[in-house]
Amino acid sequence: MKIAVTGATGQLGSQVVEQLKSRLSNENIVALVRNTEKAANLGVETREFDYSKPDHLSKALTGIDRLLLISGTEFGQRSAQHKNVINAAKEAGVKWIVYTSVLHADTSHLNLAAEHVETEEILTNSGIEFTILRNGWYSENYTASVPGAIGGGAFLGSAEDGKISSAARADYAEAAAIVIADESHKGKVYELAGDDFYTLTDLAAIISEQAGKNIPYNNLPEEEYANILKNIGLPEGLAIGLASWDVSASTGALFDDSRTLSSILGRPTTPIAESVKVALQ
């Protein structure tokens, strides 16, 4: 049996590979990457794999039994890219695809959700057995802003008092490895999120406590927040996206209390306070 992981040098994929190595022989794991040189330290077989090059994908999937398809990062291109991968997987005889979608994709008003829904439909109609991991927010999406918040004296956002059920990226990576290593998860759609929720006001209080400095939460209108993000150097598309996702968070798009993720892990998810502690190191 060979399990392949796409985006295996990425922040999520690299952790999935490490989790799989703790469960399987390295010979059973294949890292699919754009640049094989960057994957040299993974310790497993690597194959070149670019979602945008459909003519090469099927060959790269030769001999693969199970595929973890980690969603791409090129917004607006992802549905087509994922379709390329799914078609190639079918041609290569891949038996099972596990796909990383987004929390409550079919009902979410996150602008991220549409491409995930399209991909889920493509996968459902492919004839290949599948499992869908609807990942909630990574805690790191917020804790990456901790140093800047401390430097600027406030944590900025547009999420108002929206409930956020995030978990550490490592939690989602471990869950993906657990799922794809166990056939009992075939055919399932999992809504994955952190055990507990917080608001950005709560997060600011946690940062304040750990930093020993008062860091209030400053809620901003969407456009103003996006402009600040652009002014500190973020690409325009990402800045607009982050502000938009915060607004969606204000209406519950990042909240889930099913505790499905911790059920798969067999342990509690990583508390946001722990992720803040890591960000402060």
C-alpha atoms as a PDB file:
ATOM      1  CA  MET A   1       0.000   0.000   0.000  1.00  0.00           C
ATOM      2  CA  LYS A   2       1.276   3.438  -0.926  1.00  0.00           C
ATOM      3  CA  ILE A   3      -0.145   6.680   0.481  1.00  0.00           C
ATOM      4  CA  ALA A   4       0.630   9.925  -1.315  1.00  0.00           C
ATOM      5  CA  VAL A   5       0.353  13.413   0.161  1.00  0.00           C
ATOM      6  CA  THR A   6       0.042  16.458  -2.074  1.00  0.00           C
ATOM      7  CA  GLY A   7       1.626  19.750  -1.031  1.00  0.00           C
ATOM      8  CA  ALA A   8       3.987  17.714   1.128  1.00  0.00           C
ATOM      9  CA  THR A   9       6.429  20.556   1.735  1.00  0.00           C
ATOM     10  CA  GLY A  10       3.655  22.919   2.844  1.00  0.00           C
ATOM     11  CA  GLN A  11       2.811  23.843   6.412  1.00  0.00           C
ATOM     12  CA  LEU A  12       0.105  21.185   6.686  1.00  0.00           C
ATOM     13  CA  GLY A  13       1.469  18.562   4.299  1.00  0.00           C
ATOM     14  CA  SER A  14       4.902  18.348   5.880  1.00  0.00           C
ATOM     15  CA  GLN A  15       3.314  17.655   9.264  1.00  0.00           C
ATOM     16  CA  VAL A  16       1.048  14.995   7.765  1.00  0.00           C
ATOM     17  CA  VAL A  17       4.098  13.241   6.320  1.00  0.00           C
ATOM     18  CA  GLU A  18       5.763  13.227   9.746  1.00  0.00           C
ATOM     19  CA  GLN A  19       2.601  11.845  11.335  1.00  0.00           C
ATOM     20  CA  LEU A  20       2.389   9.094   8.714  1.00  0.00           C
ATOM     21  CA  LYS A  21       6.057   8.195   9.282  1.00  0.00           C
ATOM     22  CA  SER A  22       5.206   7.497  12.922  1.00  0.00           C
ATOM     23  CA  ARG A  23       2.494   5.063  11.812  1.00  0.00           C
ATOM     24  CA  LEU A  24       3.809   3.440   8.632  1.00  0.00           C
ATOM     25  CA  SER A  25       7.044   2.393   7.008  1.00  0.00           C
ATOM     26  CA  ASN A  26       8.633   5.236   5.048  1.00  0.00           C
ATOM     27  CA  GLU A  27       8.435   2.999   1.978  1.00  0.00           C
ATOM     28  CA  ASN A  28       4.645   3.307   2.070  1.00  0.00           C
ATOM     29  CA  ILE A  29       4.662   7.116   1.873  1.00  0.00           C
ATOM     30  CA  VAL A  30       5.093   9.306  -1.221  1.00  0.00           C
ATOM     31  CA  ALA A  31       5.494  13.090  -1.042  1.00  0.00           C
ATOM     32  CA  LEU A  32       3.993  14.926  -4.019  1.00  0.00           C
ATOM     33  CA  VAL A  33       5.608  18.339  -4.420  1.00  0.00           C
ATOM     34  CA  ARG A  34       6.263  21.076  -6.954  1.00  0.00           C
ATOM     35  CA  ASN A  35       9.965  21.141  -6.143  1.00  0.00           C
ATOM     36  CA  THR A  36      11.542  17.812  -5.181  1.00  0.00           C
ATOM     37  CA  GLU A  37      14.713  19.520  -3.960  1.00  0.00           C
ATOM     38  CA  LYS A  38      12.739  21.186  -1.184  1.00  0.00           C
ATOM     39  CA  ALA A  39      11.451  17.766  -0.104  1.00  0.00           C
ATOM     40  CA  ALA A  40      14.857  16.134   0.277  1.00  0.00           C
ATOM     41  CA  ASN A  41      14.685  16.208   4.081  1.00  0.00           C
ATOM     42  CA  LEU A  42      11.307  14.467   4.326  1.00  0.00           C
ATOM     43  CA  GLY A  43      12.915  11.037   4.263  1.00  0.00           C
ATOM     44  CA  VAL A  44      10.350   9.499   1.902  1.00  0.00           C
ATOM     45  CA  GLU A  45       9.972   9.027  -1.849  1.00  0.00           C
ATOM     46  CA  THR A  46       9.250  12.306  -3.620  1.00  0.00           C
ATOM     47  CA  ARG A  47       7.592  12.915  -6.974  1.00  0.00           C
ATOM     48  CA  GLU A  48       7.100  16.144  -8.865  1.00  0.00           C
ATOM     49  CA  PHE A  49       3.465  17.166  -8.795  1.00  0.00           C
ATOM     50  CA  ASP A  50       1.925  20.441  -9.959  1.00  0.00           C
ATOM     51  CA  TYR A  51      -1.866  20.789  -9.877  1.00  0.00           C
ATOM     52  CA  SER A  52      -1.690  23.069 -12.930  1.00  0.00           C
ATOM     53  CA  LYS A  53       0.067  20.511 -15.151  1.00  0.00           C
ATOM     54  CA  PRO A  54      -2.550  17.827 -15.808  1.00  0.00           C
ATOM     55  CA  ASP A  55      -0.460  15.988 -18.403  1.00  0.00           C
ATOM     56  CA  HIS A  56       2.069  14.961 -15.750  1.00  0.00           C
ATOM     57  CA  LEU A  57      -0.188  14.140 -12.824  1.00  0.00           C
ATOM     58  CA  SER A  58      -1.328  10.646 -13.746  1.00  0.00           C
ATOM     59  CA  LYS A  59       2.228   9.368 -14.112  1.00  0.00           C
ATOM     60  CA  ALA A  60       3.133  10.787 -10.711  1.00  0.00           C
ATOM     61  CA  LEU A  61       0.241   8.845  -9.173  1.00  0.00           C
ATOM     62  CA  THR A  62       1.279   5.476 -10.615  1.00  0.00           C
ATOM     63  CA  GLY A  63       1.112   2.812  -7.921  1.00  0.00           C
ATOM     64  CA  ILE A  64      -0.625   5.076  -5.399  1.00  0.00           C
ATOM     65  CA  ASP A  65      -3.479   3.439  -3.496  1.00  0.00           C
ATOM     66  CA  ARG A  66      -4.560   6.318  -1.236  1.00  0.00           C
ATOM     67  CA  LEU A  67      -4.229  10.031  -1.897  1.00  0.00           C
ATOM     68  CA  LEU A  68      -4.450  12.923   0.539  1.00  0.00           C
ATOM     69  CA  LEU A  69      -5.432  15.887  -1.622  1.00  0.00           C
ATOM     70  CA  ILE A  70      -4.550  19.010   0.325  1.00  0.00           C
ATOM     71  CA  SER A  71      -6.444  21.926  -1.157  1.00  0.00           C
ATOM     72  CA  GLY A  72      -4.388  24.336  -3.247  1.00  0.00           C
ATOM     73  CA  THR A  73      -3.573  27.905  -2.322  1.00  0.00           C
ATOM     74  CA  GLU A  74      -4.287  29.680  -5.617  1.00  0.00           C
ATOM     75  CA  PHE A  75      -7.720  31.145  -4.957  1.00  0.00           C
ATOM     76  CA  GLY A  76      -9.874  31.199  -8.064  1.00  0.00           C
ATOM     77  CA  GLN A  77      -7.866  28.369  -9.632  1.00  0.00           C
ATOM     78  CA  ARG A  78      -8.459  25.660  -7.083  1.00  0.00           C
ATOM     79  CA  SER A  79     -11.557  23.964  -8.479  1.00  0.00           C
ATOM     80  CA  ALA A  80      -9.888  23.437 -11.852  1.00  0.00           C
ATOM     81  CA  GLN A  81      -6.639  22.341 -10.240  1.00  0.00           C
ATOM     82  CA  HIS A  82      -8.363  19.875  -7.938  1.00  0.00           C
ATOM     83  CA  LYS A  83     -10.320  18.507 -10.894  1.00  0.00           C
ATOM     84  CA  ASN A  84      -6.999  17.880 -12.651  1.00  0.00           C
ATOM     85  CA  VAL A  85      -5.788  15.865  -9.677  1.00  0.00           C
ATOM     86  CA  ILE A  86      -9.009  13.873  -9.280  1.00  0.00           C
ATOM     87  CA  ASN A  87      -9.109  13.008 -12.990  1.00  0.00           C
ATOM     88  CA  ALA A  88      -5.471  11.923 -12.862  1.00  0.00           C
ATOM     89  CA  ALA A  89      -6.134   9.839  -9.775  1.00  0.00           C
ATOM     90  CA  LYS A  90      -8.961   8.041 -11.558  1.00  0.00           C
ATOM     91  CA  GLU A  91      -6.744   7.395 -14.573  1.00  0.00           C
ATOM     92  CA  ALA A  92      -3.941   6.081 -12.366  1.00  0.00           C
ATOM     93  CA  GLY A  93      -6.225   3.755 -10.421  1.00  0.00           C
ATOM     94  CA  VAL A  94      -6.076   5.483  -7.056  1.00  0.00           C
ATOM     95  CA  LYS A  95      -8.592   3.730  -4.816  1.00  0.00           C
ATOM     96  CA  TRP A  96      -9.310   6.373  -2.181  1.00  0.00           C
ATOM     97  CA  ILE A  97      -8.988  10.163  -1.934  1.00  0.00           C
ATOM     98  CA  VAL A  98      -9.066  12.118   1.314  1.00  0.00           C
ATOM     99  CA  TYR A  99      -9.669  15.825   0.644  1.00  0.00           C
ATOM    100  CA  THR A 100      -9.128  18.819   2.940  1.00  0.00           C
ATOM    101  CA  SER A 101     -12.163  21.074   2.578  1.00  0.00           C
ATOM    102  CA  VAL A 102     -13.411  23.888   4.832  1.00  0.00           C
ATOM    103  CA  LEU A 103     -15.689  23.828   7.864  1.00  0.00           C
ATOM    104  CA  HIS A 104     -19.398  23.492   6.951  1.00  0.00           C
ATOM    105  CA  ALA A 105     -18.500  24.029   3.288  1.00  0.00           C
ATOM    106  CA  ASP A 106     -22.012  23.336   2.016  1.00  0.00           C
ATOM    107  CA  THR A 107     -23.619  26.020   4.211  1.00  0.00           C
ATOM    108  CA  SER A 108     -20.718  28.385   4.876  1.00  0.00           C
ATOM    109  CA  HIS A 109     -20.791  32.001   3.765  1.00  0.00           C
ATOM    110  CA  LEU A 110     -16.981  32.177   3.723  1.00  0.00           C
ATOM    111  CA  ASN A 111     -15.955  33.187   0.223  1.00  0.00           C
ATOM    112  CA  LEU A 112     -13.466  30.312   0.445  1.00  0.00           C
ATOM    113  CA  ALA A 113     -16.256  27.772   0.517  1.00  0.00           C
ATOM    114  CA  ALA A 114     -17.452  27.851  -3.098  1.00  0.00           C
ATOM    115  CA  GLU A 115     -14.353  26.217  -4.570  1.00  0.00           C
ATOM    116  CA  HIS A 116     -14.425  23.569  -1.844  1.00  0.00           C
ATOM    117  CA  VAL A 117     -18.064  22.776  -2.604  1.00  0.00           C
ATOM    118  CA  GLU A 118     -17.228  22.468  -6.300  1.00  0.00           C
ATOM    119  CA  THR A 119     -14.341  20.134  -5.483  1.00  0.00           C
ATOM    120  CA  GLU A 120     -16.498  18.025  -3.185  1.00  0.00           C
ATOM    121  CA  GLU A 121     -19.010  17.625  -6.032  1.00  0.00           C
ATOM    122  CA  ILE A 122     -16.277  16.631  -8.483  1.00  0.00           C
ATOM    123  CA  LEU A 123     -14.987  14.101  -5.981  1.00  0.00           C
ATOM    124  CA  THR A 124     -18.450  12.733  -5.237  1.00  0.00           C
ATOM    125  CA  ASN A 125     -19.087  12.198  -8.951  1.00  0.00           C
ATOM    126  CA  SER A 126     -15.646  10.746  -9.712  1.00  0.00           C
ATOM    127  CA  GLY A 127     -16.444   7.149  -8.849  1.00  0.00           C
ATOM    128  CA  ILE A 128     -13.446   7.037  -6.490  1.00  0.00           C
ATOM    129  CA  GLU A 129     -14.023   6.278  -2.827  1.00  0.00           C
ATOM    130  CA  PHE A 130     -13.503   9.439  -0.785  1.00  0.00           C
ATOM    131  CA  THR A 131     -13.451  11.052   2.630  1.00  0.00           C
ATOM    132  CA  ILE A 132     -13.840  14.782   3.207  1.00  0.00           C
ATOM    133  CA  LEU A 133     -12.076  16.553   6.050  1.00  0.00           C
ATOM    134  CA  ARG A 134     -13.802  19.910   6.471  1.00  0.00           C
ATOM    135  CA  ASN A 135     -11.067  21.665   8.390  1.00  0.00           C
ATOM    136  CA  GLY A 136     -11.888  24.604  10.598  1.00  0.00           C
ATOM    137  CA  TRP A 137      -9.571  27.546  11.186  1.00  0.00           C
ATOM    138  CA  TYR A 138      -5.940  26.972  12.059  1.00  0.00           C
ATOM    139  CA  SER A 139      -5.043  28.750  15.295  1.00  0.00           C
ATOM    140  CA  GLU A 140      -1.876  29.911  13.556  1.00  0.00           C
ATOM    141  CA  ASN A 141      -4.022  32.043  11.229  1.00  0.00           C
ATOM    142  CA  TYR A 142      -4.507  34.310  14.254  1.00  0.00           C
ATOM    143  CA  THR A 143      -1.408  33.679  16.353  1.00  0.00           C
ATOM    144  CA  ALA A 144       0.816  34.730  13.447  1.00  0.00           C
ATOM    145  CA  SER A 145      -0.394  38.248  14.289  1.00  0.00           C
ATOM    146  CA  VAL A 146       0.657  38.052  17.942  1.00  0.00           C
ATOM    147  CA  PRO A 147       4.117  39.680  17.573  1.00  0.00           C
ATOM    148  CA  GLY A 148       2.641  42.506  15.514  1.00  0.00           C
ATOM    149  CA  ALA A 149      -0.152  42.998  18.030  1.00  0.00           C
ATOM    150  CA  ILE A 150       2.332  43.297  20.872  1.00  0.00           C
ATOM    151  CA  GLY A 151       4.468  45.699  18.863  1.00  0.00           C
ATOM    152  CA  GLY A 152       1.474  47.814  17.879  1.00  0.00           C
ATOM    153  CA  GLY A 153      -0.269  47.688  21.230  1.00  0.00           C
ATOM    154  CA  ALA A 154      -3.541  46.160  19.989  1.00  0.00           C
ATOM    155  CA  PHE A 155      -4.906  43.059  18.262  1.00  0.00           C
ATOM    156  CA  LEU A 156      -6.799  44.132  15.145  1.00  0.00           C
ATOM    157  CA  GLY A 157      -9.621  42.390  13.331  1.00  0.00           C
ATOM    158  CA  SER A 158     -13.170  42.569  12.029  1.00  0.00           C
ATOM    159  CA  ALA A 159     -14.684  39.524  13.727  1.00  0.00           C
ATOM    160  CA  GLU A 160     -16.611  41.439  16.424  1.00  0.00           C
ATOM    161  CA  ASP A 161     -17.696  38.871  19.049  1.00  0.00           C
ATOM    162  CA  GLY A 162     -17.836  35.934  16.641  1.00  0.00           C
ATOM    163  CA  LYS A 163     -17.102  32.526  18.132  1.00  0.00           C
ATOM    164  CA  ILE A 164     -13.962  30.906  16.693  1.00  0.00           C
ATOM    165  CA  SER A 165     -13.362  27.168  17.164  1.00  0.00           C
ATOM    166  CA  SER A 166      -9.802  26.918  15.906  1.00  0.00           C
ATOM    167  CA  ALA A 167      -7.240  24.190  16.479  1.00  0.00           C
ATOM    168  CA  ALA A 168      -3.510  23.961  15.899  1.00  0.00           C
ATOM    169  CA  ARG A 169      -2.389  23.000  12.417  1.00  0.00           C
ATOM    170  CA  ALA A 170      -0.678  19.987  14.001  1.00  0.00           C
ATOM    171  CA  ASP A 171      -4.072  18.733  15.206  1.00  0.00           C
ATOM    172  CA  TYR A 172      -5.481  18.744  11.673  1.00  0.00           C
ATOM    173  CA  ALA A 173      -2.316  17.097  10.322  1.00  0.00           C
ATOM    174  CA  GLU A 174      -2.526  14.294  12.866  1.00  0.00           C
ATOM    175  CA  ALA A 175      -6.206  13.753  12.099  1.00  0.00           C
ATOM    176  CA  ALA A 176      -5.496  13.530   8.364  1.00  0.00           C
ATOM    177  CA  ALA A 177      -2.819  10.889   8.993  1.00  0.00           C
ATOM    178  CA  ILE A 178      -5.107   8.906  11.287  1.00  0.00           C
ATOM    179  CA  VAL A 179      -7.941   8.973   8.752  1.00  0.00           C
ATOM    180  CA  ILE A 180      -5.996   8.003   5.646  1.00  0.00           C
ATOM    181  CA  ALA A 181      -4.268   5.160   7.476  1.00  0.00           C
ATOM    182  CA  ASP A 182      -7.594   3.574   8.476  1.00  0.00           C
ATOM    183  CA  GLU A 183     -10.128   2.395   5.866  1.00  0.00           C
ATOM    184  CA  SER A 184     -12.996   2.633   8.372  1.00  0.00           C
ATOM    185  CA  HIS A 185     -13.104   6.369   7.578  1.00  0.00           C
ATOM    186  CA  LYS A 186     -14.073   5.831   3.934  1.00  0.00           C
ATOM    187  CA  GLY A 187     -17.212   7.638   2.822  1.00  0.00           C
ATOM    188  CA  LYS A 188     -17.293  10.000   5.791  1.00  0.00           C
ATOM    189  CA  VAL A 189     -17.592  13.788   5.827  1.00  0.00           C
ATOM    190  CA  TYR A 190     -16.039  15.218   8.984  1.00  0.00           C
ATOM    191  CA  GLU A 191     -16.553  18.728  10.386  1.00  0.00           C
ATOM    192  CA  LEU A 192     -13.274  19.381  12.195  1.00  0.00           C
ATOM    193  CA  ALA A 193     -12.676  22.195  14.679  1.00  0.00           C
ATOM    194  CA  GLY A 194     -11.253  22.954  18.091  1.00  0.00           C
ATOM    195  CA  ASP A 195     -12.974  21.733  21.236  1.00  0.00           C
ATOM    196  CA  ASP A 196     -13.472  25.212  22.658  1.00  0.00           C
ATOM    197  CA  PHE A 197     -14.316  28.561  21.134  1.00  0.00           C
ATOM    198  CA  TYR A 198     -12.994  32.049  21.806  1.00  0.00           C
ATOM    199  CA  THR A 199     -13.649  35.546  20.528  1.00  0.00           C
ATOM    200  CA  LEU A 200     -10.897  37.897  19.430  1.00  0.00           C
ATOM    201  CA  THR A 201     -11.498  39.825  22.635  1.00  0.00           C
ATOM    202  CA  ASP A 202     -10.753  36.593  24.507  1.00  0.00           C
ATOM    203  CA  LEU A 203      -7.664  36.049  22.370  1.00  0.00           C
ATOM    204  CA  ALA A 204      -6.410  39.553  23.107  1.00  0.00           C
ATOM    205  CA  ALA A 205      -6.827  38.873  26.837  1.00  0.00           C
ATOM    206  CA  ILE A 206      -4.803  35.662  26.533  1.00  0.00           C
ATOM    207  CA  ILE A 207      -2.060  37.516  24.664  1.00  0.00           C
ATOM    208  CA  SER A 208      -2.082  40.261  27.300  1.00  0.00           C
ATOM    209  CA  GLU A 209      -1.714  37.762  30.122  1.00  0.00           C
ATOM    210  CA  GLN A 210       1.143  35.884  28.499  1.00  0.00           C
ATOM    211  CA  ALA A 211       2.967  38.972  27.262  1.00  0.00           C
ATOM    212  CA  GLY A 212       2.575  40.849  30.530  1.00  0.00           C
ATOM    213  CA  LYS A 213       1.276  43.838  28.598  1.00  0.00           C
ATOM    214  CA  ASN A 214      -2.239  45.120  27.967  1.00  0.00           C
ATOM    215  CA  ILE A 215      -3.161  44.277  24.371  1.00  0.00           C
ATOM    216  CA  PRO A 216      -6.818  45.195  23.731  1.00  0.00           C
ATOM    217  CA  TYR A 217      -8.836  43.937  20.786  1.00  0.00           C
ATOM    218  CA  ASN A 218      -9.671  46.699  18.322  1.00  0.00           C
ATOM    219  CA  ASN A 219     -12.569  45.772  16.026  1.00  0.00           C
ATOM    220  CA  LEU A 220     -12.438  47.605  12.699  1.00  0.00           C
ATOM    221  CA  PRO A 221     -14.705  47.954   9.671  1.00  0.00           C
ATOM    222  CA  GLU A 222     -13.792  45.415   6.981  1.00  0.00           C
ATOM    223  CA  GLU A 223     -12.350  47.922   4.498  1.00  0.00           C
ATOM    224  CA  GLU A 224     -10.271  49.702   7.126  1.00  0.00           C
ATOM    225  CA  TYR A 225      -8.811  46.425   8.370  1.00  0.00           C
ATOM    226  CA  ALA A 226      -7.999  45.317   4.813  1.00  0.00           C
ATOM    227  CA  ASN A 227      -6.230  48.629   4.139  1.00  0.00           C
ATOM    228  CA  ILE A 228      -4.116  48.263   7.281  1.00  0.00           C
ATOM    229  CA  LEU A 229      -3.107  44.754   6.216  1.00  0.00           C
ATOM    230  CA  LYS A 230      -2.128  46.054   2.773  1.00  0.00           C
ATOM    231  CA  ASN A 231      -0.142  48.895   4.337  1.00  0.00           C
ATOM    232  CA  ILE A 232       1.939  46.475   6.402  1.00  0.00           C
ATOM    233  CA  GLY A 233       2.899  44.585   3.262  1.00  0.00           C
ATOM    234  CA  LEU A 234       0.343  41.838   2.689  1.00  0.00           C
ATOM    235  CA  PRO A 235      -0.675  41.215  -0.934  1.00  0.00           C
ATOM    236  CA  GLU A 236      -3.937  42.963  -1.739  1.00  0.00           C
ATOM    237  CA  GLY A 237      -5.872  39.749  -2.385  1.00  0.00           C
ATOM    238  CA  LEU A 238      -4.779  38.217   0.911  1.00  0.00           C
ATOM    239  CA  ALA A 239      -5.492  41.412   2.851  1.00  0.00           C
ATOM    240  CA  ILE A 240      -9.008  41.627   1.429  1.00  0.00           C
ATOM    241  CA  GLY A 241      -9.510  37.920   2.081  1.00  0.00           C
ATOM    242  CA  LEU A 242      -8.410  38.082   5.722  1.00  0.00           C
ATOM    243  CA  ALA A 243     -10.739  40.981   6.429  1.00  0.00           C
ATOM    244  CA  SER A 244     -13.617  39.215   4.672  1.00  0.00           C
ATOM    245  CA  TRP A 245     -13.026  35.975   6.588  1.00  0.00           C
ATOM    246  CA  ASP A 246     -13.071  37.892   9.857  1.00  0.00           C
ATOM    247  CA  VAL A 247     -16.446  39.384   8.956  1.00  0.00           C
ATOM    248  CA  SER A 248     -17.699  35.868   8.216  1.00  0.00           C
ATOM    249  CA  ALA A 249     -16.356  34.779  11.589  1.00  0.00           C
ATOM    250  CA  SER A 250     -18.506  37.462  13.197  1.00  0.00           C
ATOM    251  CA  THR A 251     -21.592  35.576  12.012  1.00  0.00           C
ATOM    252  CA  GLY A 252     -20.459  32.104  13.082  1.00  0.00           C
ATOM    253  CA  ALA A 253     -18.597  30.746  10.045  1.00  0.00           C
ATOM    254  CA  LEU A 254     -15.656  29.559  12.173  1.00  0.00           C
ATOM    255  CA  PHE A 255     -17.701  27.987  14.992  1.00  0.00           C
ATOM    256  CA  ASP A 256     -18.395  24.298  15.531  1.00  0.00           C
ATOM    257  CA  ASP A 257     -19.032  22.452  18.787  1.00  0.00           C
ATOM    258  CA  SER A 258     -19.235  18.852  17.556  1.00  0.00           C
ATOM    259  CA  ARG A 259     -15.769  17.953  18.923  1.00  0.00           C
ATOM    260  CA  THR A 260     -15.316  15.589  15.990  1.00  0.00           C
ATOM    261  CA  LEU A 261     -11.643  16.485  15.672  1.00  0.00           C
ATOM    262  CA  SER A 262     -10.791  15.507  19.239  1.00  0.00           C
ATOM    263  CA  SER A 263     -12.832  12.329  18.803  1.00  0.00           C
ATOM    264  CA  ILE A 264     -10.642  11.313  15.854  1.00  0.00           C
ATOM    265  CA  LEU A 265      -7.473  12.307  17.696  1.00  0.00           C
ATOM    266  CA  GLY A 266      -8.447  10.509  20.879  1.00  0.00           C
ATOM    267  CA  ARG A 267      -7.323  13.557  22.852  1.00  0.00           C
ATOM    268  CA  PRO A 268      -8.355  17.189  23.354  1.00  0.00           C
ATOM    269  CA  THR A 269      -7.418  19.669  20.651  1.00  0.00           C
ATOM    270  CA  THR A 270      -4.629  22.156  21.362  1.00  0.00           C
ATOM    271  CA  PRO A 271      -5.965  25.121  23.380  1.00  0.00           C
ATOM    272  CA  ILE A 272      -5.539  28.561  21.821  1.00  0.00           C
ATOM    273  CA  ALA A 273      -3.461  29.599  24.851  1.00  0.00           C
ATOM    274  CA  GLU A 274      -0.895  26.948  23.925  1.00  0.00           C
ATOM    275  CA  SER A 275      -0.707  28.257  20.369  1.00  0.00           C
ATOM    276  CA  VAL A 276      -0.201  31.789  21.693  1.00  0.00           C
ATOM    277  CA  LYS A 277       2.630  30.509  23.875  1.00  0.00           C
ATOM    278  CA  VAL A 278       4.321  29.010  20.813  1.00  0.00           C
ATOM    279  CA  ALA A 279       3.912  32.290  18.915  1.00  0.00           C
ATOM    280  CA  LEU A 280       5.636  34.158  21.741  1.00  0.00           C
ATOM    281  CA  GLN A 281       8.684  31.880  21.793  1.00  0.00           C
END
